Amino acid sequence: MRAVTLMALLSLLISLPASAQLVDHTVTVNDKFRERIDIGISTNEIAISSDFSGADITVFGAIDGADELLLSTFAYDVVVALEGPRQSTTVRRKERVAGIWINRHSIRFEPIPASYSMSSTRPLADITNLMELGSRDIGINNIRLVPTGGFGDGSRLSDFRDALRRIKQTSGLYQRAPTGVQFISKALFRASVRLPANIPVGAHKVRAVLYKNNEFVMEKVIPLRVVKTGLEQFIYTMAHSYSLAYGIFAVLLATLTGWLGSVIFRKD
């Protein structure tokens, strides 16, 4: 009964009307295998308000054509990741010069996910090899960090890469749950991925990757949009789309506020 209910829920998520259905799916398949994976979430848009403190979203999925014997022996593994919009990132290193801390060195990296939250059935090292994970940017340590422009002799490159990963993890933007994907009934699974409080707005994507006996089977990607609401959305839109008008308005508002303050608190 539970399996039927979960299958019905997944079917409902996949067959939502156009206004709520996730579109622009991206699929990569290994033709060597017949198994296929499908995933669904209840909404394709997350609204962020001023009191947003983070949340978990649940991804439901199913493996079509799975071998029951292999399922019972845990031969299938699933990795689910929520990736934020890709952004270029610059890492700077401060050094003390004449008693003053200044930015002495910096390296700019090609666009990487602004946020990354990953769950899997097992630790990645038990799912497949490092080369396979790196080729698909699966896992925090396997996201390719490619420098752009000049970066000296490259002796500091490893330190800057480690620093970038550390900064992302410390800020909560990069997270992982090595056992966050659970099979709940035969070929049905459920995964929980974290939305941090400081999640960037824009076009995100939910990736689900299926492995069978350590070999890649299929990857499916569905979009997820994160937007601000209310006054925050108005300010964000003005600042990014009408930056000149926003700047002039901010200066005028600051001037008016200062003048009113001087009038109200003036001592005669």
Protein backbone atom coordinates (compact mmCIF):
# COMPACT_ATOMS: atom_id res chain seq x y z
CA MET A 1 0.00 0.00 0.00
CA ARG A 2 2.82 2.37 0.89
CA ALA A 3 4.61 1.67 -2.39
CA VAL A 4 1.43 2.39 -4.37
CA THR A 5 0.92 5.68 -2.52
CA LEU A 6 4.50 6.81 -3.13
CA MET A 7 4.33 5.86 -6.80
CA ALA A 8 1.11 7.83 -7.15
CA LEU A 9 2.75 10.84 -5.51
CA LEU A 10 5.70 10.70 -7.87
CA SER A 11 3.36 10.35 -10.86
CA LEU A 12 1.42 13.38 -9.64
CA LEU A 13 4.58 15.47 -9.37
CA ILE A 14 5.65 14.52 -12.88
CA SER A 15 2.19 15.16 -14.37
CA LEU A 16 1.55 18.58 -12.83
CA PRO A 17 -0.05 21.22 -15.10
CA ALA A 18 2.15 23.49 -17.16
CA SER A 19 2.02 26.29 -14.61
CA ALA A 20 3.67 24.12 -11.96
CA GLN A 21 5.44 21.43 -13.95
CA LEU A 22 9.21 21.42 -14.23
CA VAL A 23 10.25 21.89 -17.83
CA ASP A 24 13.46 21.99 -19.83
CA HIS A 25 14.65 18.67 -18.44
CA THR A 26 18.17 17.59 -19.39
CA VAL A 27 18.89 13.87 -19.68
CA THR A 28 22.18 12.00 -20.18
CA VAL A 29 21.96 8.25 -20.69
CA ASN A 30 24.43 5.37 -20.86
CA ASP A 31 22.96 3.10 -23.55
CA LYS A 32 24.72 0.12 -22.01
CA PHE A 33 21.99 -0.08 -19.36
CA ARG A 34 18.22 -0.30 -19.58
CA GLU A 35 17.45 1.30 -16.20
CA ARG A 36 16.11 4.85 -16.19
CA ILE A 37 15.67 7.37 -13.39
CA ASP A 38 12.93 9.96 -12.91
CA ILE A 39 12.59 12.65 -10.26
CA GLY A 40 10.05 15.23 -9.21
CA ILE A 41 9.53 18.06 -6.75
CA SER A 42 6.31 19.82 -5.82
CA THR A 43 7.22 23.27 -7.15
CA ASN A 44 9.60 24.82 -9.64
CA GLU A 45 9.85 28.10 -7.72
CA ILE A 46 11.01 28.93 -4.21
CA ALA A 47 9.99 32.34 -2.83
CA ILE A 48 12.43 33.97 -0.41
CA SER A 49 11.12 36.53 2.08
CA SER A 50 12.96 38.74 4.58
CA ASP A 51 12.57 36.20 7.40
CA PHE A 52 13.80 33.21 5.38
CA SER A 53 16.23 31.17 7.51
CA GLY A 54 16.84 28.21 5.23
CA ALA A 55 14.77 25.16 4.38
CA ASP A 56 14.92 21.59 3.17
CA ILE A 57 13.30 20.48 -0.07
CA THR A 58 12.41 16.87 -0.71
CA VAL A 59 13.06 15.22 -4.06
CA PHE A 60 11.16 12.04 -4.90
CA GLY A 61 12.42 9.64 -7.52
CA ALA A 62 12.02 6.20 -9.03
CA ILE A 63 14.24 3.79 -10.95
CA ASP A 64 12.40 2.30 -13.90
CA GLY A 65 13.48 -1.16 -15.03
CA ALA A 66 15.48 -1.88 -11.90
CA ASP A 67 16.44 -5.47 -11.13
CA GLU A 68 14.88 -6.51 -7.81
CA LEU A 69 17.81 -8.77 -6.95
CA LEU A 70 20.27 -5.93 -7.50
CA LEU A 71 18.06 -3.63 -5.46
CA SER A 72 18.17 -6.07 -2.56
CA THR A 73 21.97 -6.19 -2.75
CA PHE A 74 22.30 -2.38 -2.84
CA ALA A 75 23.83 -2.37 -6.31
CA TYR A 76 22.12 0.92 -7.22
CA ASP A 77 23.31 4.30 -5.94
CA VAL A 78 21.76 7.71 -6.43
CA VAL A 79 23.32 11.14 -6.02
CA VAL A 80 21.04 14.19 -5.83
CA ALA A 81 22.43 17.73 -5.89
CA LEU A 82 20.92 21.20 -5.87
CA GLU A 83 23.20 23.59 -7.76
CA GLY A 84 22.90 27.37 -7.77
CA PRO A 85 23.54 29.67 -10.74
CA ARG A 86 27.12 29.65 -11.98
CA GLN A 87 29.20 32.71 -11.09
CA SER A 88 32.81 33.75 -11.57
CA THR A 89 34.63 33.88 -8.23
CA THR A 90 37.78 35.67 -7.12
CA VAL A 91 39.77 34.50 -4.11
CA ARG A 92 42.14 36.99 -2.48
CA ARG A 93 44.93 36.36 -0.03
CA LYS A 94 45.88 38.95 2.55
CA GLU A 95 49.44 39.46 3.74
CA ARG A 96 50.95 41.81 6.25
CA VAL A 97 53.05 44.54 4.65
CA ALA A 98 54.66 47.22 6.84
CA GLY A 99 52.24 46.39 9.64
CA ILE A 100 49.15 46.65 7.40
CA TRP A 101 47.07 43.72 6.13
CA ILE A 102 46.45 44.12 2.39
CA ASN A 103 45.24 41.91 -0.47
CA ARG A 104 48.53 40.76 -1.93
CA HIS A 105 47.55 37.94 -4.28
CA SER A 106 44.32 36.88 -6.00
CA ILE A 107 43.09 34.25 -8.45
CA ARG A 108 39.87 34.41 -10.45
CA PHE A 109 38.09 31.15 -11.27
CA GLU A 110 35.75 30.29 -14.10
CA PRO A 111 32.02 30.19 -13.19
CA ILE A 112 31.14 27.60 -10.55
CA PRO A 113 27.84 26.92 -8.74
CA ALA A 114 27.14 29.76 -6.31
CA SER A 115 25.59 27.16 -3.99
CA TYR A 116 25.80 23.37 -3.86
CA SER A 117 23.83 20.96 -1.67
CA MET A 118 24.35 17.24 -2.25
CA SER A 119 22.86 14.03 -0.88
CA SER A 120 23.74 10.45 -1.79
CA THR A 121 22.94 6.88 -0.84
CA ARG A 122 26.50 6.30 0.37
CA PRO A 123 29.76 8.25 0.62
CA LEU A 124 30.92 9.12 -2.89
CA ALA A 125 34.12 7.09 -2.56
CA ASP A 126 31.96 3.96 -2.20
CA ILE A 127 29.80 4.78 -5.23
CA THR A 128 32.34 5.18 -8.04
CA ASN A 129 35.90 6.27 -8.79
CA LEU A 130 37.33 9.75 -8.48
CA MET A 131 37.80 10.22 -12.23
CA GLU A 132 34.10 9.56 -12.89
CA LEU A 133 33.03 11.94 -10.12
CA GLY A 134 35.35 14.66 -11.38
CA SER A 135 34.13 14.35 -14.97
CA ARG A 136 30.58 15.13 -13.79
CA ASP A 137 31.39 17.68 -11.06
CA ILE A 138 29.85 15.45 -8.39
CA GLY A 139 30.89 16.31 -4.85
CA ILE A 140 32.32 19.45 -3.30
CA ASN A 141 35.91 18.35 -3.75
CA ASN A 142 35.28 17.33 -7.37
CA ILE A 143 33.83 20.58 -8.68
CA ARG A 144 36.31 21.84 -11.25
CA LEU A 145 37.99 25.08 -10.21
CA VAL A 146 39.64 26.43 -13.35
CA PRO A 147 41.64 29.66 -12.99
CA THR A 148 41.37 32.41 -15.58
CA GLY A 149 43.94 35.01 -16.53
CA GLY A 150 47.40 35.14 -15.00
CA PHE A 151 48.06 33.33 -11.74
CA GLY A 152 51.85 33.27 -11.50
CA ASP A 153 53.77 30.01 -11.51
CA GLY A 154 50.84 28.02 -10.14
CA SER A 155 52.52 27.19 -6.85
CA ARG A 156 49.69 28.79 -4.87
CA LEU A 157 46.85 27.42 -7.01
CA SER A 158 46.11 24.47 -4.72
CA ASP A 159 45.95 26.76 -1.67
CA PHE A 160 43.50 29.10 -3.40
CA ARG A 161 41.29 26.18 -4.47
CA ASP A 162 41.22 24.84 -0.91
CA ALA A 163 40.44 28.32 0.39
CA LEU A 164 37.52 28.72 -2.04
CA ARG A 165 36.00 25.40 -0.97
CA ARG A 166 36.53 26.27 2.69
CA ILE A 167 34.86 29.67 2.30
CA LYS A 168 31.86 28.14 0.54
CA GLN A 169 31.44 25.47 3.22
CA THR A 170 31.94 27.86 6.13
CA SER A 171 29.26 30.20 4.74
CA GLY A 172 26.84 27.27 4.39
CA LEU A 173 26.60 27.59 0.61
CA TYR A 174 28.27 24.20 0.02
CA GLN A 175 26.79 21.29 1.97
CA ARG A 176 26.70 17.51 1.72
CA ALA A 177 24.81 14.60 3.30
CA PRO A 178 26.57 11.30 2.47
CA THR A 179 23.49 9.24 3.37
CA GLY A 180 20.75 11.74 2.54
CA VAL A 181 19.21 9.61 -0.23
CA GLN A 182 17.10 6.72 1.04
CA PHE A 183 15.25 3.96 -0.76
CA ILE A 184 11.82 3.90 0.82
CA SER A 185 10.18 1.09 -1.15
CA LYS A 186 11.85 -1.08 -3.77
CA ALA A 187 12.81 1.29 -6.63
CA LEU A 188 11.44 4.45 -5.01
CA PHE A 189 13.78 6.84 -3.26
CA ARG A 190 13.62 10.12 -1.41
CA ALA A 191 16.31 12.76 -1.02
CA SER A 192 16.54 15.91 1.07
CA VAL A 193 18.66 18.86 -0.05
CA ARG A 194 19.27 22.00 1.96
CA LEU A 195 18.46 25.57 0.96
CA PRO A 196 20.77 27.80 3.03
CA ALA A 197 19.51 31.10 4.40
CA ASN A 198 21.87 33.01 2.08
CA ILE A 199 20.96 31.05 -1.05
CA PRO A 200 21.43 33.17 -4.19
CA VAL A 201 18.42 34.03 -6.31
CA GLY A 202 18.23 32.91 -9.90
CA ALA A 203 18.04 29.70 -11.92
CA HIS A 204 19.05 26.63 -9.91
CA LYS A 205 18.96 23.00 -11.02
CA VAL A 206 18.29 19.70 -9.32
CA ARG A 207 20.53 16.88 -10.59
CA ALA A 208 19.93 13.18 -10.00
CA VAL A 209 22.62 10.70 -11.08
CA LEU A 210 22.11 6.94 -11.07
CA TYR A 211 24.95 4.42 -10.71
CA LYS A 212 24.81 0.64 -10.98
CA ASN A 213 27.67 -1.41 -9.56
CA ASN A 214 29.87 1.72 -9.62
CA GLU A 215 29.08 2.47 -13.29
CA PHE A 216 27.24 5.55 -14.57
CA VAL A 217 23.73 4.77 -15.84
CA MET A 218 21.83 8.04 -16.26
CA GLU A 219 21.63 11.66 -15.18
CA LYS A 220 18.53 13.84 -15.12
CA VAL A 221 18.38 17.58 -14.45
CA ILE A 222 15.29 19.65 -13.70
CA PRO A 223 15.17 23.44 -13.12
CA LEU A 224 14.31 25.24 -9.91
CA ARG A 225 13.95 29.02 -9.66
CA VAL A 226 14.66 30.96 -6.46
CA VAL A 227 13.14 34.45 -6.27
CA LYS A 228 12.70 37.16 -3.69
CA THR A 229 9.23 38.41 -2.78
CA GLY A 230 7.70 41.68 -1.61
CA LEU A 231 9.91 44.68 -0.87
CA GLU A 232 13.09 42.60 -1.15
CA GLN A 233 12.21 41.66 -4.73
CA PHE A 234 11.48 45.30 -5.63
CA ILE A 235 14.80 46.49 -4.22
CA TYR A 236 16.71 43.62 -5.87
CA THR A 237 15.11 44.31 -9.27
CA MET A 238 15.78 48.04 -9.03
CA ALA A 239 19.40 47.54 -7.96
CA HIS A 240 20.21 45.05 -10.74
CA SER A 241 18.00 46.15 -13.63
CA TYR A 242 17.84 49.92 -13.06
CA SER A 243 21.11 50.55 -11.27
CA LEU A 244 21.43 54.24 -12.28
CA ALA A 245 17.92 55.15 -11.14
CA TYR A 246 18.39 53.10 -7.98
CA GLY A 247 21.67 54.89 -7.20
CA ILE A 248 20.15 58.34 -7.72
CA PHE A 249 17.13 57.45 -5.58
CA ALA A 250 19.38 56.10 -2.80
CA VAL A 251 21.46 59.32 -2.75
CA LEU A 252 18.33 61.50 -2.71
CA LEU A 253 16.77 59.40 0.06
CA ALA A 254 19.95 59.61 2.16
CA THR A 255 20.10 63.39 1.64
CA LEU A 256 16.44 63.83 2.57
CA THR A 257 16.82 61.62 5.65
CA GLY A 258 19.87 63.58 6.79
CA TRP A 259 18.13 66.90 6.31
CA LEU A 260 15.01 65.76 8.21
CA GLY A 261 17.20 64.45 11.02
CA SER A 262 18.98 67.80 11.31
CA VAL A 263 15.63 69.65 11.43
CA ILE A 264 14.02 67.36 13.98
CA PHE A 265 16.98 67.20 16.35
CA ARG A 266 18.18 70.78 15.87
CA LYS A 267 18.87 72.69 19.07
CA ASP A 268 17.78 76.31 18.97
